[in-house]
């Protein structure tokens, strides 16, 4: 329980709605008529940003008829992109209450509330019946979860037979532990990285058929380096605004960890067999 609180506390901040809306206004964005594209520099919190979301959606073959669970939905950026682009229904679940409140507010301002709902919850104990979703989606979530077997078991449980699990995760590299703080953890106590091989093996052990498993480390380094440059300008919209006072340090460490082989990034899609 202490770890859950620590993780939620790492991501949450009480003034996040005000911080985001003020940053948008300062950048000349009409906050009363927001679009998912307006928010993408801020709400695509995961490594590689909007580009990663577009690629993963294509890899997973998202369709209008899909009922999608966005696990670790954060500020709702991917959920809004999927709903707007494909017309699908999305349910977001996140451990951080403030993220859920802000995601709901931003979704209302983009006019997508009828397609998307957000709930505060734990990925290891999902409040949904078996075989509810066509797709489970997660980006940069598993790094905060020590019990990877239970996570994949829950994902399996709520997926329909033939359903897809689309994911992107930071993985452990071969060149020592990462430097902290990083965007997902202030210190090692909330960071639970597996290697790419171990991640692959855990997915197979859970019964998933892996149809894509891609190394995106080089692009992750390039993207985090760009984010670090952007964070140097207070007027630039970016995830550093959401990360708070240590945001620039987190982004620098993230880029350095990719460069030094301390971390990597994988994305992929699996299928739940009948």
Protein backbone atom coordinates (compact mmCIF):
# COMPACT_ATOMS: atom_id res chain seq x y z
CA UNK A 1 0.00 0.00 0.00
CA UNK A 2 2.87 2.34 0.79
CA UNK A 3 4.25 1.79 -2.70
CA UNK A 4 0.86 2.61 -4.28
CA UNK A 5 0.71 5.86 -2.31
CA UNK A 6 4.31 6.72 -3.21
CA UNK A 7 3.71 6.11 -6.92
CA UNK A 8 0.49 8.15 -6.95
CA UNK A 9 2.22 10.91 -5.00
CA UNK A 10 5.12 10.94 -7.47
CA UNK A 11 2.78 11.73 -10.37
CA UNK A 12 0.14 13.86 -8.69
CA UNK A 13 0.14 17.55 -7.81
CA UNK A 14 -2.84 19.44 -6.43
CA UNK A 15 -2.60 22.39 -8.84
CA UNK A 16 -2.16 20.36 -12.02
CA UNK A 17 -5.35 21.56 -13.73
CA UNK A 18 -4.40 25.18 -13.16
CA UNK A 19 -0.81 24.60 -14.28
CA UNK A 20 -1.90 22.99 -17.55
CA UNK A 21 -4.61 25.53 -18.40
CA UNK A 22 -2.30 28.45 -17.63
CA UNK A 23 0.43 26.97 -19.82
CA UNK A 24 -2.02 26.51 -22.68
CA UNK A 25 -3.29 30.08 -22.36
CA UNK A 26 0.27 31.43 -22.28
CA UNK A 27 0.96 29.53 -25.51
CA UNK A 28 -2.05 31.16 -27.17
CA UNK A 29 -4.31 28.09 -27.12
CA UNK A 30 -8.08 28.63 -26.76
CA UNK A 31 -8.80 26.56 -23.65
CA UNK A 32 -12.55 26.72 -24.23
CA UNK A 33 -12.21 24.97 -27.60
CA UNK A 34 -9.46 22.41 -27.08
CA UNK A 35 -8.56 19.58 -29.45
CA UNK A 36 -6.47 16.46 -28.75
CA UNK A 37 -3.75 17.95 -30.97
CA UNK A 38 -3.61 21.11 -28.80
CA UNK A 39 -2.91 18.93 -25.76
CA UNK A 40 -0.45 16.47 -27.31
CA UNK A 41 2.72 18.28 -26.14
CA UNK A 42 1.46 18.00 -22.54
CA UNK A 43 -0.68 14.89 -22.24
CA UNK A 44 1.35 12.32 -24.21
CA UNK A 45 3.35 11.76 -21.04
CA UNK A 46 5.07 8.55 -22.14
CA UNK A 47 8.37 8.17 -23.99
CA UNK A 48 8.22 9.20 -27.68
CA UNK A 49 4.97 11.13 -27.19
CA UNK A 50 2.25 11.32 -29.85
CA UNK A 51 4.38 9.53 -32.44
CA UNK A 52 4.46 6.45 -30.22
CA UNK A 53 0.68 6.54 -29.81
CA UNK A 54 0.12 6.73 -33.56
CA UNK A 55 2.51 3.85 -34.25
CA UNK A 56 1.08 1.64 -31.51
CA UNK A 57 -2.50 2.27 -32.68
CA UNK A 58 -1.51 1.20 -36.20
CA UNK A 59 0.33 -1.84 -34.86
CA UNK A 60 -2.71 -2.87 -32.80
CA UNK A 61 -5.18 -2.25 -35.63
CA UNK A 62 -7.53 -0.09 -33.56
CA UNK A 63 -11.04 0.09 -35.04
CA UNK A 64 -14.23 2.03 -34.34
CA UNK A 65 -15.96 -1.03 -32.88
CA UNK A 66 -13.23 -1.64 -30.30
CA UNK A 67 -13.87 -1.20 -26.59
CA UNK A 68 -10.46 -0.11 -25.26
CA UNK A 69 -9.08 -0.15 -21.72
CA UNK A 70 -6.28 2.41 -21.34
CA UNK A 71 -4.35 1.08 -18.36
CA UNK A 72 -2.34 3.78 -16.63
CA UNK A 73 -4.21 6.42 -18.63
CA UNK A 74 -2.42 9.43 -17.11
CA UNK A 75 -3.80 12.73 -18.38
CA UNK A 76 -5.80 10.94 -21.08
CA UNK A 77 -3.84 11.91 -24.18
CA UNK A 78 -3.79 8.48 -25.86
CA UNK A 79 -7.44 7.85 -24.90
CA UNK A 80 -8.50 11.09 -26.56
CA UNK A 81 -6.38 10.38 -29.64
CA UNK A 82 -7.90 6.90 -30.05
CA UNK A 83 -11.47 8.10 -29.51
CA UNK A 84 -11.13 11.07 -31.85
CA UNK A 85 -9.19 9.27 -34.58
CA UNK A 86 -10.96 5.92 -34.68
CA UNK A 87 -14.32 6.61 -33.05
CA UNK A 88 -13.86 3.85 -30.47
CA UNK A 89 -14.95 3.81 -26.82
CA UNK A 90 -12.20 4.10 -24.21
CA UNK A 91 -12.12 3.52 -20.46
CA UNK A 92 -9.06 4.90 -18.68
CA UNK A 93 -7.79 3.60 -15.32
CA UNK A 94 -5.02 5.31 -13.36
CA UNK A 95 -3.60 4.98 -9.86
CA UNK A 96 -3.22 8.75 -9.44
CA UNK A 97 -6.50 10.49 -8.48
CA UNK A 98 -5.35 13.89 -9.74
CA UNK A 99 -4.54 12.44 -13.16
CA UNK A 100 -8.08 11.07 -13.39
CA UNK A 101 -9.61 14.43 -12.43
CA UNK A 102 -7.48 16.35 -14.92
CA UNK A 103 -8.06 13.78 -17.66
CA UNK A 104 -11.81 14.09 -17.16
CA UNK A 105 -11.64 17.90 -17.27
CA UNK A 106 -9.57 17.95 -20.45
CA UNK A 107 -11.82 15.36 -22.09
CA UNK A 108 -14.87 17.51 -21.35
CA UNK A 109 -13.12 20.50 -22.93
CA UNK A 110 -12.42 18.49 -26.09
CA UNK A 111 -16.04 17.30 -26.37
CA UNK A 112 -15.17 13.59 -26.06
CA UNK A 113 -16.88 12.73 -22.77
CA UNK A 114 -19.47 10.49 -24.42
CA UNK A 115 -16.72 8.19 -25.71
CA UNK A 116 -14.28 8.25 -22.78
CA UNK A 117 -14.49 7.67 -19.04
CA UNK A 118 -11.71 7.73 -16.44
CA UNK A 119 -11.56 5.82 -13.16
CA UNK A 120 -9.12 5.83 -10.27
CA UNK A 121 -7.98 2.23 -9.81
CA UNK A 122 -5.20 -0.32 -9.53
CA UNK A 123 -4.01 -2.28 -12.57
CA UNK A 124 -3.53 -5.35 -10.36
CA UNK A 125 -7.18 -5.46 -9.30
CA UNK A 126 -9.40 -4.17 -12.09
CA UNK A 127 -13.07 -3.53 -11.36
CA UNK A 128 -14.32 -5.06 -14.62
CA UNK A 129 -15.88 -8.44 -15.44
CA UNK A 130 -13.97 -11.05 -17.38
CA UNK A 131 -13.74 -10.63 -21.17
CA UNK A 132 -14.91 -6.99 -21.21
CA UNK A 133 -12.47 -5.36 -23.64
CA UNK A 134 -11.33 -5.83 -27.22
CA UNK A 135 -8.05 -4.01 -26.54
CA UNK A 136 -6.01 -3.31 -23.42
CA UNK A 137 -3.57 -0.46 -24.00
CA UNK A 138 -0.66 0.65 -21.80
CA UNK A 139 2.26 3.00 -22.37
CA UNK A 140 5.04 3.41 -19.80
CA UNK A 141 3.10 1.73 -17.01
CA UNK A 142 4.69 -1.61 -16.15
CA UNK A 143 7.89 0.05 -14.85
CA UNK A 144 5.95 0.98 -11.68
CA UNK A 145 4.60 -2.55 -11.12
CA UNK A 146 6.68 -5.14 -9.27
CA UNK A 147 4.24 -8.05 -9.72
CA UNK A 148 4.41 -8.33 -13.48
CA UNK A 149 2.79 -11.79 -13.49
CA UNK A 150 -0.30 -10.48 -11.72
CA UNK A 151 -0.47 -7.48 -14.07
CA UNK A 152 -0.48 -9.67 -17.17
CA UNK A 153 -2.96 -12.05 -15.56
CA UNK A 154 -5.41 -9.18 -14.97
CA UNK A 155 -4.97 -7.95 -18.52
CA UNK A 156 -5.65 -11.47 -19.79
CA UNK A 157 -8.75 -11.72 -17.60
CA UNK A 158 -10.47 -8.57 -18.87
CA UNK A 159 -9.61 -9.17 -22.54
CA UNK A 160 -12.05 -10.97 -24.82
CA UNK A 161 -10.70 -14.10 -26.55
CA UNK A 162 -8.79 -12.84 -29.56
CA UNK A 163 -8.38 -9.43 -27.92
CA UNK A 164 -5.15 -7.46 -28.22
CA UNK A 165 -2.79 -6.12 -25.59
CA UNK A 166 -0.85 -3.15 -26.98
CA UNK A 167 2.02 -1.86 -24.86
CA UNK A 168 5.17 0.23 -24.66
CA UNK A 169 7.52 -0.10 -21.70
CA UNK A 170 10.88 1.11 -20.51
CA UNK A 171 13.09 -1.94 -19.89
CA UNK A 172 16.31 -2.56 -18.00
CA UNK A 173 19.51 -2.23 -20.00
CA UNK A 174 22.77 -4.14 -19.67
CA UNK A 175 24.95 -1.29 -18.42
CA UNK A 176 23.91 -0.80 -14.82
CA UNK A 177 20.92 0.71 -13.02
CA UNK A 178 19.34 3.93 -14.26
CA UNK A 179 20.18 7.34 -12.87
CA UNK A 180 17.34 8.91 -10.89
CA UNK A 181 15.06 10.82 -10.83
CA UNK A 182 13.32 9.81 -14.06
CA UNK A 183 9.78 10.56 -15.24
CA UNK A 184 8.33 7.38 -13.70
CA UNK A 185 10.20 7.40 -10.37
CA UNK A 186 12.09 9.74 -8.08
CA UNK A 187 14.20 6.88 -6.74
CA UNK A 188 14.66 3.10 -7.17
CA UNK A 189 11.92 2.23 -4.65
CA UNK A 190 9.17 2.74 -7.25
CA UNK A 191 11.04 1.45 -10.30
CA UNK A 192 10.63 -2.20 -11.29
CA UNK A 193 12.30 -2.67 -14.66
CA UNK A 194 12.61 -6.01 -16.43
CA UNK A 195 14.90 -6.63 -19.37
CA UNK A 196 13.35 -6.88 -22.82
CA UNK A 197 13.93 -10.65 -22.80
CA UNK A 198 12.31 -11.03 -19.38
CA UNK A 199 9.33 -8.93 -20.48
CA UNK A 200 8.91 -11.13 -23.56
CA UNK A 201 9.11 -14.26 -21.42
CA UNK A 202 6.56 -13.00 -18.87
CA UNK A 203 4.07 -12.19 -21.62
CA UNK A 204 4.43 -15.67 -23.08
CA UNK A 205 4.14 -17.25 -19.62
CA UNK A 206 0.85 -15.39 -19.15
CA UNK A 207 -0.49 -17.11 -22.28
CA UNK A 208 -0.24 -14.25 -24.77
CA UNK A 209 0.74 -14.84 -28.37
CA UNK A 210 3.23 -12.14 -29.30
CA UNK A 211 2.68 -10.75 -32.79
CA UNK A 212 4.99 -7.72 -32.53
CA UNK A 213 7.86 -6.88 -30.17
CA UNK A 214 10.00 -3.94 -31.27
CA UNK A 215 13.07 -2.20 -29.86
CA UNK A 216 12.50 1.58 -29.92
CA UNK A 217 15.49 2.60 -27.80
CA UNK A 218 17.31 4.71 -30.40
CA UNK A 219 14.21 6.75 -31.15
CA UNK A 220 13.45 7.04 -27.43
CA UNK A 221 16.87 8.62 -26.86
CA UNK A 222 16.35 11.09 -29.70
CA UNK A 223 12.88 12.04 -28.48
CA UNK A 224 13.90 12.52 -24.85
CA UNK A 225 16.86 14.62 -25.96
CA UNK A 226 14.48 16.87 -27.90
CA UNK A 227 12.20 17.12 -24.89
CA UNK A 228 15.18 18.18 -22.78
CA UNK A 229 15.94 21.03 -25.19
CA UNK A 230 12.27 22.07 -25.18
CA UNK A 231 12.21 22.09 -21.38
CA UNK A 232 14.93 24.74 -21.41
CA UNK A 233 12.40 27.27 -22.69
CA UNK A 234 9.67 28.19 -20.18
CA UNK A 235 7.37 29.27 -23.03
CA UNK A 236 7.44 25.84 -24.72
CA UNK A 237 4.59 23.43 -24.04
CA UNK A 238 5.94 20.06 -22.96
CA UNK A 239 5.79 17.26 -20.42
CA UNK A 240 8.28 19.13 -18.22
CA UNK A 241 5.33 21.32 -17.19
CA UNK A 242 3.48 18.25 -15.93
CA UNK A 243 6.57 16.71 -14.29
CA UNK A 244 7.05 19.72 -12.03
CA UNK A 245 10.20 21.40 -10.67
CA UNK A 246 12.41 18.36 -11.29
CA UNK A 247 11.09 17.86 -14.83
CA UNK A 248 14.23 18.99 -16.64
CA UNK A 249 16.44 16.75 -14.50
CA UNK A 250 14.10 13.80 -15.11
CA UNK A 251 14.22 14.30 -18.87
CA UNK A 252 18.01 14.67 -18.88
CA UNK A 253 18.42 11.49 -16.86
CA UNK A 254 15.99 9.65 -19.09
CA UNK A 255 17.92 10.59 -22.23
CA UNK A 256 21.23 9.75 -20.56
CA UNK A 257 19.95 6.34 -19.42
CA UNK A 258 18.93 5.44 -22.97
CA UNK A 259 22.25 6.68 -24.35
CA UNK A 260 24.35 4.76 -21.81
CA UNK A 261 22.44 1.49 -22.19
CA UNK A 262 21.01 1.63 -18.69
CA UNK A 263 17.46 1.49 -20.06
CA UNK A 264 15.75 0.60 -23.31
CA UNK A 265 12.27 0.92 -24.77
CA UNK A 266 10.11 -1.77 -26.34
CA UNK A 267 6.65 -1.67 -27.87
CA UNK A 268 4.49 -4.52 -29.04
CA UNK A 269 1.15 -6.21 -29.47
CA UNK A 270 -0.01 -9.57 -28.17
CA UNK A 271 -3.16 -11.65 -28.67
CA UNK A 272 -5.17 -13.44 -26.03
CA UNK A 273 -5.95 -16.93 -27.30
CA UNK A 274 -9.41 -18.40 -26.73
